[in-house]
Amino acid sequence: MVYIDVRTKGEHDMGSVAGALHHDIMDMMQGVFPDVPKDAEITLFCESGNRSMMACSLMEQAGFARVTDGGSIENFRA
């Protein structure tokens, strides 16, 4: 399982989930995706759940097969 924090670098630097990768959704919007296998099981999260939902869609369109929207970082931690 790969966990990816799609918040900004500033948000990520203020605290994230242990072991999670960071990949800003703005990079995904420019066509730059995390360096993980397209068949990896991936869960995305952000501050409120809006960006993770959008990032999930972007990754699916880019061919990532097993992407889940984990929602907000608070829900994800719970």
C-alpha atoms as a PDB file:
ATOM      1  CA  MET A   1       0.000   0.000   0.000  1.00  0.00           C
ATOM      2  CA  VAL A   2       1.282   3.442  -0.962  1.00  0.00           C
ATOM      3  CA  TYR A   3      -0.078   6.508   0.851  1.00  0.00           C
ATOM      4  CA  ILE A   4       0.281   9.858  -0.907  1.00  0.00           C
ATOM      5  CA  ASP A   5      -0.264  13.301   0.606  1.00  0.00           C
ATOM      6  CA  VAL A   6      -1.392  15.586  -2.261  1.00  0.00           C
ATOM      7  CA  ARG A   7      -1.290  18.825  -0.243  1.00  0.00           C
ATOM      8  CA  THR A   8       1.185  21.649  -0.852  1.00  0.00           C
ATOM      9  CA  LYS A   9       4.768  21.349   0.388  1.00  0.00           C
ATOM     10  CA  GLY A  10       4.027  23.890   3.125  1.00  0.00           C
ATOM     11  CA  GLU A  11       1.044  21.892   4.378  1.00  0.00           C
ATOM     12  CA  HIS A  12       3.012  18.659   4.202  1.00  0.00           C
ATOM     13  CA  ASP A  13       5.955  20.173   6.097  1.00  0.00           C
ATOM     14  CA  MET A  14       3.605  21.089   8.959  1.00  0.00           C
ATOM     15  CA  GLY A  15       2.883  17.388   9.492  1.00  0.00           C
ATOM     16  CA  SER A  16       1.682  14.402   7.565  1.00  0.00           C
ATOM     17  CA  VAL A  17       1.093  10.685   7.988  1.00  0.00           C
ATOM     18  CA  ALA A  18       4.130   8.580   8.874  1.00  0.00           C
ATOM     19  CA  GLY A  19       5.462   6.780   5.826  1.00  0.00           C
ATOM     20  CA  ALA A  20       3.354   8.738   3.332  1.00  0.00           C
ATOM     21  CA  LEU A  21       4.875  10.085   0.143  1.00  0.00           C
ATOM     22  CA  HIS A  22       4.308  13.701  -0.807  1.00  0.00           C
ATOM     23  CA  HIS A  23       3.212  14.675  -4.320  1.00  0.00           C
ATOM     24  CA  ASP A  24       1.481  18.037  -4.765  1.00  0.00           C
ATOM     25  CA  ILE A  25      -1.725  17.817  -6.792  1.00  0.00           C
ATOM     26  CA  MET A  26      -0.563  20.843  -8.794  1.00  0.00           C
ATOM     27  CA  ASP A  27       2.163  18.633 -10.260  1.00  0.00           C
ATOM     28  CA  MET A  28      -0.454  16.043 -11.226  1.00  0.00           C
ATOM     29  CA  MET A  29      -2.472  18.760 -12.931  1.00  0.00           C
ATOM     30  CA  GLN A  30       0.648  19.435 -15.031  1.00  0.00           C
ATOM     31  CA  GLY A  31       0.902  15.740 -15.949  1.00  0.00           C
ATOM     32  CA  VAL A  32       3.636  14.841 -13.448  1.00  0.00           C
ATOM     33  CA  PHE A  33       2.680  11.818 -11.358  1.00  0.00           C
ATOM     34  CA  PRO A  34       4.345  10.007  -8.451  1.00  0.00           C
ATOM     35  CA  ASP A  35       7.044   7.500  -9.322  1.00  0.00           C
ATOM     36  CA  VAL A  36       5.082   4.436  -8.231  1.00  0.00           C
ATOM     37  CA  PRO A  37       3.963   1.424 -10.270  1.00  0.00           C
ATOM     38  CA  LYS A  38       0.649   1.960 -12.047  1.00  0.00           C
ATOM     39  CA  ASP A  39      -0.683  -1.273 -10.536  1.00  0.00           C
ATOM     40  CA  ALA A  40       0.278  -0.345  -6.940  1.00  0.00           C
ATOM     41  CA  GLU A  41      -2.481   0.003  -4.366  1.00  0.00           C
ATOM     42  CA  ILE A  42      -2.552   3.762  -3.679  1.00  0.00           C
ATOM     43  CA  THR A  43      -4.510   5.835  -1.163  1.00  0.00           C
ATOM     44  CA  LEU A  44      -4.531   9.615  -1.515  1.00  0.00           C
ATOM     45  CA  PHE A  45      -5.329  12.211   1.150  1.00  0.00           C
ATOM     46  CA  CYS A  46      -5.292  16.005   1.554  1.00  0.00           C
ATOM     47  CA  GLU A  47      -6.552  18.643   3.994  1.00  0.00           C
ATOM     48  CA  SER A  48     -10.313  18.434   3.400  1.00  0.00           C
ATOM     49  CA  GLY A  49     -10.793  15.632   0.872  1.00  0.00           C
ATOM     50  CA  ASN A  50     -11.419  17.809  -2.191  1.00  0.00           C
ATOM     51  CA  ARG A  51      -7.917  17.640  -3.649  1.00  0.00           C
ATOM     52  CA  SER A  52      -7.556  13.925  -2.939  1.00  0.00           C
ATOM     53  CA  MET A  53     -10.806  13.291  -4.828  1.00  0.00           C
ATOM     54  CA  MET A  54      -9.523  15.308  -7.778  1.00  0.00           C
ATOM     55  CA  ALA A  55      -6.082  13.652  -7.626  1.00  0.00           C
ATOM     56  CA  CYS A  56      -7.738  10.228  -7.593  1.00  0.00           C
ATOM     57  CA  SER A  57      -9.523  11.067 -10.831  1.00  0.00           C
ATOM     58  CA  LEU A  58      -6.339  12.443 -12.423  1.00  0.00           C
ATOM     59  CA  MET A  59      -4.373   9.334 -11.520  1.00  0.00           C
ATOM     60  CA  GLU A  60      -7.081   7.019 -12.841  1.00  0.00           C
ATOM     61  CA  GLN A  61      -7.106   8.955 -16.124  1.00  0.00           C
ATOM     62  CA  ALA A  62      -3.319   8.540 -16.268  1.00  0.00           C
ATOM     63  CA  GLY A  63      -3.667   4.751 -16.008  1.00  0.00           C
ATOM     64  CA  PHE A  64      -3.195   4.079 -12.301  1.00  0.00           C
ATOM     65  CA  ALA A  65      -5.475   1.102 -11.688  1.00  0.00           C
ATOM     66  CA  ARG A  66      -5.861   0.840  -7.899  1.00  0.00           C
ATOM     67  CA  VAL A  67      -6.312   4.363  -6.531  1.00  0.00           C
ATOM     68  CA  THR A  68      -8.496   5.156  -3.513  1.00  0.00           C
ATOM     69  CA  ASP A  69      -9.540   8.556  -2.179  1.00  0.00           C
ATOM     70  CA  GLY A  70      -8.676   8.518   1.520  1.00  0.00           C
ATOM     71  CA  GLY A  71     -10.300  11.930   2.061  1.00  0.00           C
ATOM     72  CA  SER A  72      -9.062  14.413   4.615  1.00  0.00           C
ATOM     73  CA  ILE A  73      -5.883  13.910   6.605  1.00  0.00           C
ATOM     74  CA  GLU A  74      -7.933  13.933   9.832  1.00  0.00           C
ATOM     75  CA  ASN A  75     -10.277  11.199   8.579  1.00  0.00           C
ATOM     76  CA  PHE A  76      -7.293   9.296   7.227  1.00  0.00           C
ATOM     77  CA  ARG A  77      -5.516   9.398  10.600  1.00  0.00           C
ATOM     78  CA  ALA A  78      -8.655   8.191  12.412  1.00  0.00           C
END
